[in-house]
Amino acid sequence: MKSHGIRGAALALTGGTRLLYAQGYTLAEAKYSSVKPTTLFRLASCSKSFAAVAAWKLIQDDKSFTLDTTVQDVMGLTRSQAALAPASPRCAFAIFWR
């Protein structure tokens, strides 16, 4: 971890739906807080990859889901509900997976 500049990490291994192992790792330096299995990390743009894979899996498994399906349709939001969330109401129902 030190050679790659990683101060802390958490590892969790699952088998089916069971948690088999969970451990936090921290560099042994007083200035770093301890990492626990429950420590939250920021994913930043990494979550885009997870969302893209999940969307593609839905497209493959569910023929009614396409890249042109709106995010709001997937979430089951009506146009009036969706208009409350975004900064601009005119783009409220124009968020696509594409």
C-alpha atoms as a PDB file:
ATOM      1  CA  MET A   1       0.000   0.000   0.000  1.00  0.00           C
ATOM      2  CA  LYS A   2       2.775   2.406   0.916  1.00  0.00           C
ATOM      3  CA  SER A   3       4.617   2.025  -2.405  1.00  0.00           C
ATOM      4  CA  HIS A   4       1.392   2.978  -4.266  1.00  0.00           C
ATOM      5  CA  GLY A   5       0.480   5.863  -1.953  1.00  0.00           C
ATOM      6  CA  ILE A   6      -2.595   4.121  -0.543  1.00  0.00           C
ATOM      7  CA  ARG A   7      -3.216   5.148   3.072  1.00  0.00           C
ATOM      8  CA  GLY A   8      -6.052   2.755   3.750  1.00  0.00           C
ATOM      9  CA  ALA A   9      -8.273   0.126   2.199  1.00  0.00           C
ATOM     10  CA  ALA A  10     -11.172  -2.128   3.107  1.00  0.00           C
ATOM     11  CA  LEU A  11     -11.667  -5.637   1.759  1.00  0.00           C
ATOM     12  CA  ALA A  12     -14.846  -7.684   1.814  1.00  0.00           C
ATOM     13  CA  LEU A  13     -15.313 -11.154   0.341  1.00  0.00           C
ATOM     14  CA  THR A  14     -18.709 -12.711  -0.219  1.00  0.00           C
ATOM     15  CA  GLY A  15     -19.916 -16.139  -1.150  1.00  0.00           C
ATOM     16  CA  GLY A  16     -23.403 -15.993  -2.604  1.00  0.00           C
ATOM     17  CA  THR A  17     -25.265 -13.747  -0.183  1.00  0.00           C
ATOM     18  CA  ARG A  18     -22.972 -14.416   2.812  1.00  0.00           C
ATOM     19  CA  LEU A  19     -20.176 -12.147   4.003  1.00  0.00           C
ATOM     20  CA  LEU A  20     -17.141 -14.426   4.379  1.00  0.00           C
ATOM     21  CA  TYR A  21     -14.441 -11.926   5.317  1.00  0.00           C
ATOM     22  CA  ALA A  22     -14.239  -8.218   6.093  1.00  0.00           C
ATOM     23  CA  GLN A  23     -11.114  -6.351   7.151  1.00  0.00           C
ATOM     24  CA  GLY A  24      -9.790  -2.787   7.128  1.00  0.00           C
ATOM     25  CA  TYR A  25      -6.146  -1.974   6.457  1.00  0.00           C
ATOM     26  CA  THR A  26      -4.296   1.223   7.405  1.00  0.00           C
ATOM     27  CA  LEU A  27      -0.662   2.283   7.154  1.00  0.00           C
ATOM     28  CA  ALA A  28       0.879   2.099  10.615  1.00  0.00           C
ATOM     29  CA  GLU A  29       1.300   5.851  11.020  1.00  0.00           C
ATOM     30  CA  ALA A  30      -0.361   7.929  13.716  1.00  0.00           C
ATOM     31  CA  LYS A  31      -1.510  10.634  11.290  1.00  0.00           C
ATOM     32  CA  TYR A  32      -3.869   8.228   9.486  1.00  0.00           C
ATOM     33  CA  SER A  33      -7.179   7.214  11.035  1.00  0.00           C
ATOM     34  CA  SER A  34      -7.874   3.504  11.252  1.00  0.00           C
ATOM     35  CA  VAL A  35      -9.814   1.898   8.416  1.00  0.00           C
ATOM     36  CA  LYS A  36     -12.559  -0.504   9.462  1.00  0.00           C
ATOM     37  CA  PRO A  37     -14.711  -2.761   7.272  1.00  0.00           C
ATOM     38  CA  THR A  38     -17.496  -0.188   7.676  1.00  0.00           C
ATOM     39  CA  THR A  39     -15.367   2.826   6.637  1.00  0.00           C
ATOM     40  CA  LEU A  40     -16.922   4.730   3.730  1.00  0.00           C
ATOM     41  CA  PHE A  41     -14.762   5.658   0.744  1.00  0.00           C
ATOM     42  CA  ARG A  42     -15.593   8.124  -2.031  1.00  0.00           C
ATOM     43  CA  LEU A  43     -16.026   6.382  -5.354  1.00  0.00           C
ATOM     44  CA  ALA A  44     -16.039   9.554  -7.465  1.00  0.00           C
ATOM     45  CA  SER A  45     -16.191   8.680 -11.167  1.00  0.00           C
ATOM     46  CA  CYS A  46     -15.608   4.971 -10.497  1.00  0.00           C
ATOM     47  CA  SER A  47     -19.351   4.577  -9.910  1.00  0.00           C
ATOM     48  CA  LYS A  48     -19.999   5.409 -13.579  1.00  0.00           C
ATOM     49  CA  SER A  49     -18.443   2.089 -14.572  1.00  0.00           C
ATOM     50  CA  PHE A  50     -20.672   0.185 -12.147  1.00  0.00           C
ATOM     51  CA  ALA A  51     -23.769   1.993 -13.435  1.00  0.00           C
ATOM     52  CA  ALA A  52     -22.790   1.287 -17.058  1.00  0.00           C
ATOM     53  CA  VAL A  53     -22.306  -2.435 -16.397  1.00  0.00           C
ATOM     54  CA  ALA A  54     -25.597  -2.629 -14.477  1.00  0.00           C
ATOM     55  CA  ALA A  55     -27.447  -0.823 -17.288  1.00  0.00           C
ATOM     56  CA  TRP A  56     -25.923  -3.102 -19.937  1.00  0.00           C
ATOM     57  CA  LYS A  57     -26.897  -6.180 -17.891  1.00  0.00           C
ATOM     58  CA  LEU A  58     -30.483  -4.874 -17.736  1.00  0.00           C
ATOM     59  CA  ILE A  59     -30.468  -4.305 -21.493  1.00  0.00           C
ATOM     60  CA  GLN A  60     -29.309  -7.880 -22.092  1.00  0.00           C
ATOM     61  CA  ASP A  61     -31.743  -9.458 -19.616  1.00  0.00           C
ATOM     62  CA  ASP A  62     -34.806  -7.239 -20.046  1.00  0.00           C
ATOM     63  CA  LYS A  63     -35.757  -6.494 -23.626  1.00  0.00           C
ATOM     64  CA  SER A  64     -38.036  -3.625 -22.514  1.00  0.00           C
ATOM     65  CA  PHE A  65     -34.996  -1.719 -21.228  1.00  0.00           C
ATOM     66  CA  THR A  66     -32.864   0.153 -23.797  1.00  0.00           C
ATOM     67  CA  LEU A  67     -30.258   2.902 -23.822  1.00  0.00           C
ATOM     68  CA  ASP A  68     -33.122   5.250 -24.670  1.00  0.00           C
ATOM     69  CA  THR A  69     -35.089   4.330 -21.534  1.00  0.00           C
ATOM     70  CA  THR A  70     -35.042   7.309 -19.193  1.00  0.00           C
ATOM     71  CA  VAL A  71     -33.526   7.006 -15.749  1.00  0.00           C
ATOM     72  CA  GLN A  72     -36.798   8.353 -14.339  1.00  0.00           C
ATOM     73  CA  ASP A  73     -38.762   5.532 -16.028  1.00  0.00           C
ATOM     74  CA  VAL A  74     -36.467   2.959 -14.422  1.00  0.00           C
ATOM     75  CA  MET A  75     -36.969   4.631 -11.034  1.00  0.00           C
ATOM     76  CA  GLY A  76     -40.732   4.757 -11.547  1.00  0.00           C
ATOM     77  CA  LEU A  77     -40.931   8.551 -11.308  1.00  0.00           C
ATOM     78  CA  THR A  78     -43.698  10.557 -12.916  1.00  0.00           C
ATOM     79  CA  ARG A  79     -42.848  13.725 -14.836  1.00  0.00           C
ATOM     80  CA  SER A  80     -44.069  15.892 -11.945  1.00  0.00           C
ATOM     81  CA  GLN A  81     -41.933  13.982  -9.421  1.00  0.00           C
ATOM     82  CA  ALA A  82     -38.883  14.174 -11.688  1.00  0.00           C
ATOM     83  CA  ALA A  83     -39.384  17.927 -12.192  1.00  0.00           C
ATOM     84  CA  LEU A  84     -38.791  18.503  -8.478  1.00  0.00           C
ATOM     85  CA  ALA A  85     -35.257  17.064  -8.461  1.00  0.00           C
ATOM     86  CA  PRO A  86     -33.130  18.547 -11.265  1.00  0.00           C
ATOM     87  CA  ALA A  87     -31.865  22.106 -11.462  1.00  0.00           C
ATOM     88  CA  SER A  88     -33.719  22.737 -14.719  1.00  0.00           C
ATOM     89  CA  PRO A  89     -37.325  21.468 -15.090  1.00  0.00           C
ATOM     90  CA  ARG A  90     -36.939  21.373 -18.899  1.00  0.00           C
ATOM     91  CA  CYS A  91     -34.361  18.577 -18.591  1.00  0.00           C
ATOM     92  CA  ALA A  92     -36.289  16.751 -15.867  1.00  0.00           C
ATOM     93  CA  PHE A  93     -37.327  13.883 -18.079  1.00  0.00           C
ATOM     94  CA  ALA A  94     -34.370  13.856 -20.473  1.00  0.00           C
ATOM     95  CA  ILE A  95     -31.791  11.836 -18.523  1.00  0.00           C
ATOM     96  CA  PHE A  96     -30.979   8.756 -20.558  1.00  0.00           C
ATOM     97  CA  TRP A  97     -28.436   5.935 -20.119  1.00  0.00           C
ATOM     98  CA  ARG A  98     -26.865   6.747 -23.470  1.00  0.00           C
END
